[in-house]
N, C-alpha and C. Protein backbone atom coordinates (compact mmCIF):
# COMPACT_ATOMS: atom_id res chain seq x y z
N MET A 1 28.26 22.34 14.13
CA MET A 1 26.95 22.14 14.72
C MET A 1 27.09 22.28 16.22
N ALA A 2 26.17 22.98 16.83
CA ALA A 2 26.22 23.21 18.27
C ALA A 2 25.91 21.92 19.01
N GLU A 3 26.45 21.82 20.22
CA GLU A 3 26.19 20.64 21.04
C GLU A 3 24.75 20.66 21.52
N MET A 4 24.20 19.48 21.70
CA MET A 4 22.82 19.36 22.14
C MET A 4 22.80 19.29 23.66
N ASP A 5 21.98 20.13 24.27
CA ASP A 5 21.86 20.08 25.72
C ASP A 5 20.82 19.04 26.13
N GLY A 6 20.72 18.78 27.39
CA GLY A 6 19.83 17.75 27.91
C GLY A 6 18.36 18.04 27.66
N ALA A 7 17.97 19.31 27.76
CA ALA A 7 16.57 19.67 27.56
C ALA A 7 16.14 19.42 26.12
N THR A 8 17.01 19.73 25.17
CA THR A 8 16.69 19.50 23.77
C THR A 8 16.57 18.01 23.48
N LEU A 9 17.51 17.23 24.00
CA LEU A 9 17.47 15.78 23.82
C LEU A 9 16.21 15.19 24.46
N LEU A 10 15.86 15.65 25.63
CA LEU A 10 14.65 15.18 26.31
C LEU A 10 13.39 15.53 25.51
N ALA A 11 13.35 16.73 24.94
CA ALA A 11 12.21 17.14 24.12
C ALA A 11 12.09 16.28 22.87
N ILE A 12 13.20 16.00 22.22
CA ILE A 12 13.18 15.16 21.02
C ILE A 12 12.71 13.75 21.36
N LEU A 13 13.24 13.18 22.44
CA LEU A 13 12.84 11.83 22.84
C LEU A 13 11.36 11.79 23.26
N GLY A 14 10.92 12.81 23.98
CA GLY A 14 9.52 12.86 24.40
C GLY A 14 8.57 12.97 23.22
N LEU A 15 8.89 13.85 22.28
CA LEU A 15 8.04 14.01 21.09
C LEU A 15 8.05 12.74 20.23
N THR A 16 9.20 12.09 20.16
CA THR A 16 9.27 10.82 19.43
C THR A 16 8.38 9.77 20.08
N ALA A 17 8.45 9.65 21.40
CA ALA A 17 7.63 8.67 22.12
C ALA A 17 6.15 8.96 21.94
N ILE A 18 5.76 10.21 22.05
CA ILE A 18 4.35 10.58 21.89
C ILE A 18 3.87 10.27 20.48
N THR A 19 4.69 10.56 19.49
CA THR A 19 4.31 10.28 18.11
C THR A 19 4.15 8.79 17.86
N VAL A 20 5.10 8.00 18.33
CA VAL A 20 5.03 6.54 18.13
C VAL A 20 3.82 5.96 18.85
N ILE A 21 3.57 6.38 20.07
CA ILE A 21 2.45 5.83 20.84
C ILE A 21 1.11 6.20 20.20
N THR A 22 0.93 7.46 19.85
CA THR A 22 -0.36 7.86 19.28
C THR A 22 -0.61 7.26 17.92
N ARG A 23 0.43 7.05 17.13
CA ARG A 23 0.23 6.47 15.81
C ARG A 23 0.08 4.95 15.86
N SER A 24 0.51 4.31 16.93
CA SER A 24 0.37 2.86 17.00
C SER A 24 -0.88 2.41 17.72
N PHE A 25 -1.70 3.30 18.22
CA PHE A 25 -2.96 2.89 18.85
C PHE A 25 -3.81 2.06 17.90
N PHE A 26 -3.78 2.40 16.63
CA PHE A 26 -4.59 1.68 15.67
C PHE A 26 -4.07 0.26 15.44
N PHE A 27 -2.77 0.04 15.66
CA PHE A 27 -2.19 -1.28 15.43
C PHE A 27 -2.28 -2.18 16.65
N ILE A 28 -2.23 -1.61 17.85
CA ILE A 28 -2.19 -2.44 19.06
C ILE A 28 -3.57 -2.68 19.65
N SER A 29 -4.59 -2.13 19.06
CA SER A 29 -5.95 -2.30 19.57
C SER A 29 -6.45 -3.71 19.27
N GLN A 30 -7.23 -4.28 20.20
CA GLN A 30 -7.79 -5.61 20.01
C GLN A 30 -9.03 -5.60 19.11
N ARG A 31 -9.69 -4.46 19.01
CA ARG A 31 -10.89 -4.37 18.19
C ARG A 31 -10.73 -3.22 17.19
N PRO A 32 -11.44 -3.30 16.09
CA PRO A 32 -11.32 -2.22 15.09
C PRO A 32 -11.89 -0.91 15.62
N TRP A 33 -11.26 0.17 15.22
CA TRP A 33 -11.69 1.49 15.63
C TRP A 33 -12.65 2.04 14.59
N ARG A 34 -13.72 2.62 15.04
CA ARG A 34 -14.68 3.29 14.17
C ARG A 34 -14.56 4.80 14.39
N MET A 35 -14.33 5.49 13.33
CA MET A 35 -14.24 6.94 13.42
C MET A 35 -15.64 7.53 13.25
N PRO A 36 -16.02 8.49 14.08
CA PRO A 36 -17.35 9.10 13.92
C PRO A 36 -17.49 9.77 12.55
N ALA A 37 -18.71 9.85 12.10
CA ALA A 37 -18.99 10.44 10.77
C ALA A 37 -18.51 11.88 10.69
N TRP A 38 -18.66 12.65 11.78
CA TRP A 38 -18.23 14.05 11.75
C TRP A 38 -16.71 14.15 11.58
N ALA A 39 -15.96 13.20 12.17
CA ALA A 39 -14.50 13.22 12.03
C ALA A 39 -14.08 12.81 10.62
N GLN A 40 -14.77 11.83 10.04
CA GLN A 40 -14.47 11.44 8.67
C GLN A 40 -14.75 12.60 7.71
N ARG A 41 -15.84 13.30 7.95
CA ARG A 41 -16.16 14.45 7.09
C ARG A 41 -15.12 15.56 7.26
N ALA A 42 -14.70 15.81 8.49
CA ALA A 42 -13.69 16.85 8.74
C ALA A 42 -12.36 16.50 8.08
N LEU A 43 -12.00 15.23 8.05
CA LEU A 43 -10.73 14.82 7.44
C LEU A 43 -10.73 14.98 5.92
N GLN A 44 -11.89 15.08 5.32
CA GLN A 44 -11.95 15.33 3.89
C GLN A 44 -11.39 16.71 3.53
N TYR A 45 -11.44 17.63 4.48
CA TYR A 45 -10.95 18.99 4.23
C TYR A 45 -9.49 19.18 4.66
N ALA A 46 -8.89 18.17 5.23
CA ALA A 46 -7.51 18.29 5.73
C ALA A 46 -6.50 18.61 4.63
N PRO A 47 -6.53 17.95 3.47
CA PRO A 47 -5.52 18.28 2.45
C PRO A 47 -5.57 19.73 1.97
N ILE A 48 -6.78 20.23 1.70
CA ILE A 48 -6.87 21.61 1.22
C ILE A 48 -6.53 22.61 2.32
N ALA A 49 -6.86 22.28 3.56
CA ALA A 49 -6.50 23.17 4.67
C ALA A 49 -4.99 23.20 4.88
N ALA A 50 -4.35 22.05 4.78
CA ALA A 50 -2.89 22.01 4.93
C ALA A 50 -2.20 22.75 3.79
N LEU A 51 -2.71 22.57 2.59
CA LEU A 51 -2.14 23.28 1.44
C LEU A 51 -2.29 24.79 1.60
N ALA A 52 -3.45 25.22 2.04
CA ALA A 52 -3.68 26.65 2.24
C ALA A 52 -2.78 27.20 3.35
N ALA A 53 -2.58 26.43 4.40
CA ALA A 53 -1.72 26.89 5.50
C ALA A 53 -0.27 27.03 5.08
N VAL A 54 0.17 26.22 4.15
CA VAL A 54 1.55 26.29 3.69
C VAL A 54 1.73 27.39 2.65
N ILE A 55 0.77 27.54 1.76
CA ILE A 55 0.91 28.45 0.64
C ILE A 55 0.50 29.89 0.97
N ALA A 56 -0.52 30.07 1.78
CA ALA A 56 -1.07 31.41 2.05
C ALA A 56 -0.04 32.42 2.56
N PRO A 57 0.82 32.07 3.51
CA PRO A 57 1.79 33.08 3.95
C PRO A 57 2.70 33.56 2.83
N ASP A 58 3.05 32.67 1.91
CA ASP A 58 3.91 33.07 0.80
C ASP A 58 3.18 33.97 -0.17
N ILE A 59 1.90 33.73 -0.35
CA ILE A 59 1.12 34.53 -1.31
C ILE A 59 0.88 35.94 -0.78
N PHE A 60 0.58 36.06 0.50
CA PHE A 60 0.18 37.35 1.04
C PHE A 60 1.33 38.19 1.59
N THR A 61 2.56 37.74 1.42
CA THR A 61 3.70 38.58 1.76
C THR A 61 4.02 39.47 0.56
N SER A 62 4.67 40.57 0.82
CA SER A 62 4.97 41.48 -0.28
C SER A 62 6.06 40.90 -1.16
N SER A 63 5.95 41.16 -2.43
CA SER A 63 6.92 40.69 -3.40
C SER A 63 8.08 41.67 -3.46
N ALA A 64 9.28 41.15 -3.26
CA ALA A 64 10.47 42.01 -3.31
C ALA A 64 10.79 42.41 -4.75
N ALA A 65 10.43 41.56 -5.72
CA ALA A 65 10.76 41.85 -7.11
C ALA A 65 9.93 43.00 -7.66
N HIS A 66 8.66 43.04 -7.29
CA HIS A 66 7.76 44.08 -7.80
C HIS A 66 6.91 44.62 -6.65
N PRO A 67 7.51 45.39 -5.75
CA PRO A 67 6.74 45.85 -4.59
C PRO A 67 5.60 46.79 -4.93
N ASN A 68 5.68 47.52 -6.02
CA ASN A 68 4.63 48.46 -6.37
C ASN A 68 3.60 47.87 -7.34
N LEU A 69 3.85 46.67 -7.83
CA LEU A 69 2.95 46.02 -8.77
C LEU A 69 2.55 44.64 -8.23
N PRO A 70 1.68 44.58 -7.24
CA PRO A 70 1.33 43.28 -6.67
C PRO A 70 0.59 42.38 -7.65
N TRP A 71 -0.02 42.95 -8.69
CA TRP A 71 -0.72 42.13 -9.67
C TRP A 71 0.26 41.39 -10.56
N ARG A 72 1.53 41.79 -10.56
CA ARG A 72 2.55 41.09 -11.35
C ARG A 72 3.29 40.07 -10.49
N ASP A 73 2.58 39.36 -9.70
CA ASP A 73 3.16 38.33 -8.85
C ASP A 73 2.59 36.98 -9.31
N ALA A 74 3.45 36.13 -9.82
CA ALA A 74 3.01 34.83 -10.35
C ALA A 74 2.37 33.97 -9.26
N ARG A 75 2.82 34.12 -8.03
CA ARG A 75 2.23 33.34 -6.93
C ARG A 75 0.76 33.68 -6.75
N LEU A 76 0.43 34.96 -6.85
CA LEU A 76 -0.96 35.39 -6.71
C LEU A 76 -1.84 34.79 -7.79
N TRP A 77 -1.39 34.85 -9.04
CA TRP A 77 -2.21 34.34 -10.14
C TRP A 77 -2.29 32.82 -10.12
N GLY A 78 -1.23 32.16 -9.68
CA GLY A 78 -1.30 30.71 -9.50
C GLY A 78 -2.32 30.33 -8.44
N ALA A 79 -2.36 31.09 -7.36
CA ALA A 79 -3.33 30.83 -6.29
C ALA A 79 -4.75 31.12 -6.76
N VAL A 80 -4.93 32.19 -7.52
CA VAL A 80 -6.26 32.52 -8.04
C VAL A 80 -6.73 31.41 -8.99
N GLY A 81 -5.85 30.96 -9.87
CA GLY A 81 -6.20 29.88 -10.79
C GLY A 81 -6.55 28.60 -10.05
N THR A 82 -5.78 28.28 -9.02
CA THR A 82 -6.05 27.09 -8.22
C THR A 82 -7.41 27.19 -7.55
N ALA A 83 -7.70 28.33 -6.96
CA ALA A 83 -8.97 28.52 -6.26
C ALA A 83 -10.14 28.44 -7.23
N LEU A 84 -10.03 29.06 -8.40
CA LEU A 84 -11.11 29.02 -9.38
C LEU A 84 -11.35 27.60 -9.88
N PHE A 85 -10.27 26.87 -10.15
CA PHE A 85 -10.41 25.48 -10.58
C PHE A 85 -11.10 24.65 -9.50
N TYR A 86 -10.66 24.84 -8.26
CA TYR A 86 -11.24 24.07 -7.16
C TYR A 86 -12.72 24.39 -6.96
N ILE A 87 -13.07 25.66 -7.05
CA ILE A 87 -14.47 26.06 -6.87
C ILE A 87 -15.34 25.54 -8.02
N ALA A 88 -14.83 25.63 -9.24
CA ALA A 88 -15.61 25.21 -10.41
C ALA A 88 -15.84 23.70 -10.44
N LEU A 89 -14.88 22.91 -9.98
CA LEU A 89 -14.97 21.46 -10.12
C LEU A 89 -14.99 20.72 -8.79
N ARG A 90 -15.37 21.37 -7.71
CA ARG A 90 -15.36 20.71 -6.41
C ARG A 90 -16.36 19.55 -6.37
N GLY A 91 -16.03 18.58 -5.55
CA GLY A 91 -16.89 17.42 -5.41
C GLY A 91 -16.50 16.25 -6.30
N ARG A 92 -15.56 16.44 -7.19
CA ARG A 92 -15.11 15.34 -8.04
C ARG A 92 -13.84 14.73 -7.46
N ASP A 93 -13.51 13.53 -7.89
CA ASP A 93 -12.35 12.83 -7.34
C ASP A 93 -11.02 13.52 -7.67
N PHE A 94 -10.92 14.13 -8.81
CA PHE A 94 -9.67 14.71 -9.26
C PHE A 94 -9.52 16.19 -8.91
N THR A 95 -10.45 16.74 -8.16
CA THR A 95 -10.47 18.20 -7.97
C THR A 95 -9.20 18.72 -7.31
N LEU A 96 -8.79 18.16 -6.18
CA LEU A 96 -7.61 18.70 -5.49
C LEU A 96 -6.33 18.52 -6.30
N PRO A 97 -6.01 17.31 -6.79
CA PRO A 97 -4.79 17.22 -7.61
C PRO A 97 -4.89 18.04 -8.89
N GLY A 98 -6.08 18.10 -9.48
CA GLY A 98 -6.25 18.91 -10.68
C GLY A 98 -6.05 20.39 -10.41
N ALA A 99 -6.53 20.85 -9.26
CA ALA A 99 -6.35 22.26 -8.89
C ALA A 99 -4.87 22.57 -8.69
N ILE A 100 -4.15 21.66 -8.08
CA ILE A 100 -2.71 21.88 -7.87
C ILE A 100 -1.99 21.95 -9.21
N VAL A 101 -2.28 21.01 -10.11
CA VAL A 101 -1.65 21.00 -11.43
C VAL A 101 -2.02 22.27 -12.21
N PHE A 102 -3.29 22.67 -12.15
CA PHE A 102 -3.72 23.88 -12.85
C PHE A 102 -3.01 25.12 -12.30
N GLY A 103 -2.90 25.21 -10.98
CA GLY A 103 -2.20 26.34 -10.37
C GLY A 103 -0.74 26.41 -10.80
N ILE A 104 -0.09 25.26 -10.87
CA ILE A 104 1.30 25.23 -11.32
C ILE A 104 1.39 25.60 -12.80
N ALA A 105 0.40 25.14 -13.59
CA ALA A 105 0.38 25.48 -15.02
C ALA A 105 0.18 26.98 -15.24
N VAL A 106 -0.49 27.65 -14.34
CA VAL A 106 -0.63 29.10 -14.41
C VAL A 106 0.65 29.78 -13.92
N TYR A 107 1.20 29.28 -12.83
CA TYR A 107 2.35 29.90 -12.18
C TYR A 107 3.62 29.84 -13.04
N LEU A 108 3.94 28.64 -13.56
CA LEU A 108 5.22 28.46 -14.24
C LEU A 108 5.44 29.36 -15.45
N PRO A 109 4.48 29.49 -16.37
CA PRO A 109 4.74 30.41 -17.50
C PRO A 109 4.93 31.86 -17.04
N LEU A 110 4.12 32.27 -16.07
CA LEU A 110 4.29 33.64 -15.59
C LEU A 110 5.65 33.85 -14.96
N ARG A 111 6.12 32.87 -14.22
CA ARG A 111 7.40 32.98 -13.52
C ARG A 111 8.58 32.80 -14.46
N LEU A 112 8.53 31.75 -15.30
CA LEU A 112 9.69 31.41 -16.11
C LEU A 112 9.78 32.19 -17.42
N VAL A 113 8.64 32.45 -18.05
CA VAL A 113 8.64 33.12 -19.34
C VAL A 113 8.65 34.64 -19.16
N TRP A 114 7.76 35.16 -18.34
CA TRP A 114 7.67 36.61 -18.16
C TRP A 114 8.43 37.14 -16.96
N GLY A 115 8.94 36.27 -16.14
CA GLY A 115 9.78 36.70 -15.02
C GLY A 115 9.06 37.38 -13.88
N TRP A 116 7.80 37.08 -13.71
CA TRP A 116 7.03 37.69 -12.62
C TRP A 116 7.47 37.14 -11.33
């Protein structure tokens, strides 16, 4: 492992301090914090946005296994299944976890059984 220089150590310590301070504002406050309604509504979309940000680059990159057959990519069909499930059942409590489970249920047989 390479030695750590001073700038890297300073960056790690600074980011650690910023993270601890910003996350503890809710604990050290004398009065309860009220989040505006627009922020609460925006946070409802955070899980699906984070999931899309993590998964989308993997889906839209070319498949090395089947470069000429993009329809034979299990990741693509898992994402399509997830999106369809989410669109069909949105607004219910189980929609996001159900969409994830459904997407995996589509992905795994295609990947493990048919080798896509």
